Amino acid sequence: MPIYEYKCLRCNHEFEAVQKFSDAPVRQCSVCGGPVKKLISRSSFHLKGSGWYLTDYAKKNTPTDTKPSSEPAKTSSDSSSSSDTD
């Protein structure tokens, strides 16, 4: 279950609440009973292992891995002449 952080608007008390995503947000401070607001927390999410963009896909097309093509590049005139087959 996610951990949500809250801050009291009256006494500035900060606290955490373990809640389901479907649970209603906390409305009152547990210390003074004042109104609270939900804080935006930093995530501890980290990609590990294989199968992630960071470890697998990002390294496939690096400039050192790509070799120059020996075929000449197509120009716009080459592609337009082959498509005029009416």
C-alpha atoms as a PDB file:
ATOM      1  CA  MET A   1       0.000   0.000   0.000  1.00  0.00           C
ATOM      2  CA  PRO A   2       1.194   3.525  -0.739  1.00  0.00           C
ATOM      3  CA  ILE A   3       2.442   5.863   1.950  1.00  0.00           C
ATOM      4  CA  TYR A   4       1.034   9.382   1.701  1.00  0.00           C
ATOM      5  CA  GLU A   5       2.533  12.418   3.387  1.00  0.00           C
ATOM      6  CA  TYR A   6       0.412  15.196   4.864  1.00  0.00           C
ATOM      7  CA  LYS A   7       1.121  18.579   6.428  1.00  0.00           C
ATOM      8  CA  CYS A   8      -1.134  20.427   8.847  1.00  0.00           C
ATOM      9  CA  LEU A   9      -1.985  23.941   7.722  1.00  0.00           C
ATOM     10  CA  ARG A  10      -2.442  25.117  11.330  1.00  0.00           C
ATOM     11  CA  CYS A  11       0.486  23.651  13.315  1.00  0.00           C
ATOM     12  CA  ASN A  12       2.789  22.577  10.407  1.00  0.00           C
ATOM     13  CA  HIS A  13       2.943  19.008  11.758  1.00  0.00           C
ATOM     14  CA  GLU A  14       4.020  16.584   9.006  1.00  0.00           C
ATOM     15  CA  PHE A  15       2.960  12.950   9.136  1.00  0.00           C
ATOM     16  CA  GLU A  16       2.566   9.863   6.966  1.00  0.00           C
ATOM     17  CA  ALA A  17      -0.459   7.655   6.410  1.00  0.00           C
ATOM     18  CA  VAL A  18      -0.464   4.174   4.887  1.00  0.00           C
ATOM     19  CA  GLN A  19      -3.608   4.045   2.785  1.00  0.00           C
ATOM     20  CA  LYS A  20      -5.128   2.179  -0.108  1.00  0.00           C
ATOM     21  CA  PHE A  21      -5.472   4.132  -3.317  1.00  0.00           C
ATOM     22  CA  SER A  22      -9.250   3.939  -2.937  1.00  0.00           C
ATOM     23  CA  ASP A  23      -9.252   5.281   0.668  1.00  0.00           C
ATOM     24  CA  ALA A  24     -10.454   8.820   1.308  1.00  0.00           C
ATOM     25  CA  PRO A  25      -7.638  11.300   2.009  1.00  0.00           C
ATOM     26  CA  VAL A  26      -6.916  12.394   5.576  1.00  0.00           C
ATOM     27  CA  ARG A  27      -8.760  15.628   6.378  1.00  0.00           C
ATOM     28  CA  GLN A  28      -7.635  16.487   9.934  1.00  0.00           C
ATOM     29  CA  CYS A  29      -4.307  16.699  11.744  1.00  0.00           C
ATOM     30  CA  SER A  30      -3.812  13.996  14.363  1.00  0.00           C
ATOM     31  CA  VAL A  31      -2.174  16.536  16.728  1.00  0.00           C
ATOM     32  CA  CYS A  32      -4.341  19.669  16.628  1.00  0.00           C
ATOM     33  CA  GLY A  33      -7.337  18.676  14.477  1.00  0.00           C
ATOM     34  CA  GLY A  34      -6.592  21.372  11.889  1.00  0.00           C
ATOM     35  CA  PRO A  35      -6.971  20.974   8.135  1.00  0.00           C
ATOM     36  CA  VAL A  36      -4.221  19.143   6.248  1.00  0.00           C
ATOM     37  CA  LYS A  37      -2.928  19.066   2.699  1.00  0.00           C
ATOM     38  CA  LYS A  38      -1.368  16.137   0.881  1.00  0.00           C
ATOM     39  CA  LEU A  39       2.298  16.631   0.025  1.00  0.00           C
ATOM     40  CA  ILE A  40       4.005  15.556  -3.158  1.00  0.00           C
ATOM     41  CA  SER A  41       6.730  13.141  -2.153  1.00  0.00           C
ATOM     42  CA  ARG A  42       9.855  12.033  -3.938  1.00  0.00           C
ATOM     43  CA  SER A  43       9.639   8.497  -5.146  1.00  0.00           C
ATOM     44  CA  SER A  44      12.135   5.786  -4.331  1.00  0.00           C
ATOM     45  CA  PHE A  45      11.454   4.061  -7.662  1.00  0.00           C
ATOM     46  CA  HIS A  46      14.613   2.734  -9.308  1.00  0.00           C
ATOM     47  CA  LEU A  47      14.968   0.618 -12.445  1.00  0.00           C
ATOM     48  CA  LYS A  48      17.070  -2.482 -11.856  1.00  0.00           C
ATOM     49  CA  GLY A  49      17.700  -5.574 -13.889  1.00  0.00           C
ATOM     50  CA  SER A  50      17.337  -6.198 -17.583  1.00  0.00           C
ATOM     51  CA  GLY A  51      14.396  -5.345 -19.765  1.00  0.00           C
ATOM     52  CA  TRP A  52      14.249  -1.632 -18.977  1.00  0.00           C
ATOM     53  CA  TYR A  53      14.893   1.268 -21.331  1.00  0.00           C
ATOM     54  CA  LEU A  54      17.753   2.538 -19.205  1.00  0.00           C
ATOM     55  CA  THR A  55      19.710  -0.722 -19.273  1.00  0.00           C
ATOM     56  CA  ASP A  56      18.802  -2.259 -22.626  1.00  0.00           C
ATOM     57  CA  TYR A  57      17.256   0.011 -25.235  1.00  0.00           C
ATOM     58  CA  ALA A  58      19.156   3.223 -24.567  1.00  0.00           C
ATOM     59  CA  LYS A  59      22.508   1.641 -25.388  1.00  0.00           C
ATOM     60  CA  LYS A  60      21.556   0.015 -28.715  1.00  0.00           C
ATOM     61  CA  ASN A  61      21.695   3.155 -30.866  1.00  0.00           C
ATOM     62  CA  THR A  62      24.658   4.993 -29.457  1.00  0.00           C
ATOM     63  CA  PRO A  63      26.904   6.805 -31.967  1.00  0.00           C
ATOM     64  CA  THR A  64      29.712   4.279 -31.437  1.00  0.00           C
ATOM     65  CA  ASP A  65      27.412   1.365 -32.330  1.00  0.00           C
ATOM     66  CA  THR A  66      26.056   2.831 -35.561  1.00  0.00           C
ATOM     67  CA  LYS A  67      28.128   2.400 -38.684  1.00  0.00           C
ATOM     68  CA  PRO A  68      27.851   4.699 -41.689  1.00  0.00           C
ATOM     69  CA  SER A  69      25.774   3.237 -44.475  1.00  0.00           C
ATOM     70  CA  SER A  70      27.555   2.383 -47.733  1.00  0.00           C
ATOM     71  CA  GLU A  71      24.338   2.938 -49.734  1.00  0.00           C
ATOM     72  CA  PRO A  72      23.657   6.455 -51.018  1.00  0.00           C
ATOM     73  CA  ALA A  73      20.808   8.247 -49.302  1.00  0.00           C
ATOM     74  CA  LYS A  74      17.557   8.543 -51.246  1.00  0.00           C
ATOM     75  CA  THR A  75      16.667  12.033 -52.329  1.00  0.00           C
ATOM     76  CA  SER A  76      13.201  13.446 -52.674  1.00  0.00           C
ATOM     77  CA  SER A  77      13.481  13.305 -56.491  1.00  0.00           C
ATOM     78  CA  ASP A  78      14.246   9.559 -56.334  1.00  0.00           C
ATOM     79  CA  SER A  79      11.115   8.808 -54.303  1.00  0.00           C
ATOM     80  CA  SER A  80       8.809  11.081 -56.314  1.00  0.00           C
ATOM     81  CA  SER A  81       9.767   9.553 -59.685  1.00  0.00           C
ATOM     82  CA  SER A  82       8.990   6.019 -58.485  1.00  0.00           C
ATOM     83  CA  SER A  83       5.567   6.986 -57.141  1.00  0.00           C
ATOM     84  CA  ASP A  84       4.301   8.529 -60.401  1.00  0.00           C
ATOM     85  CA  THR A  85       2.936   5.306 -61.912  1.00  0.00           C
ATOM     86  CA  ASP A  86      -0.511   6.521 -63.074  1.00  0.00           C
END
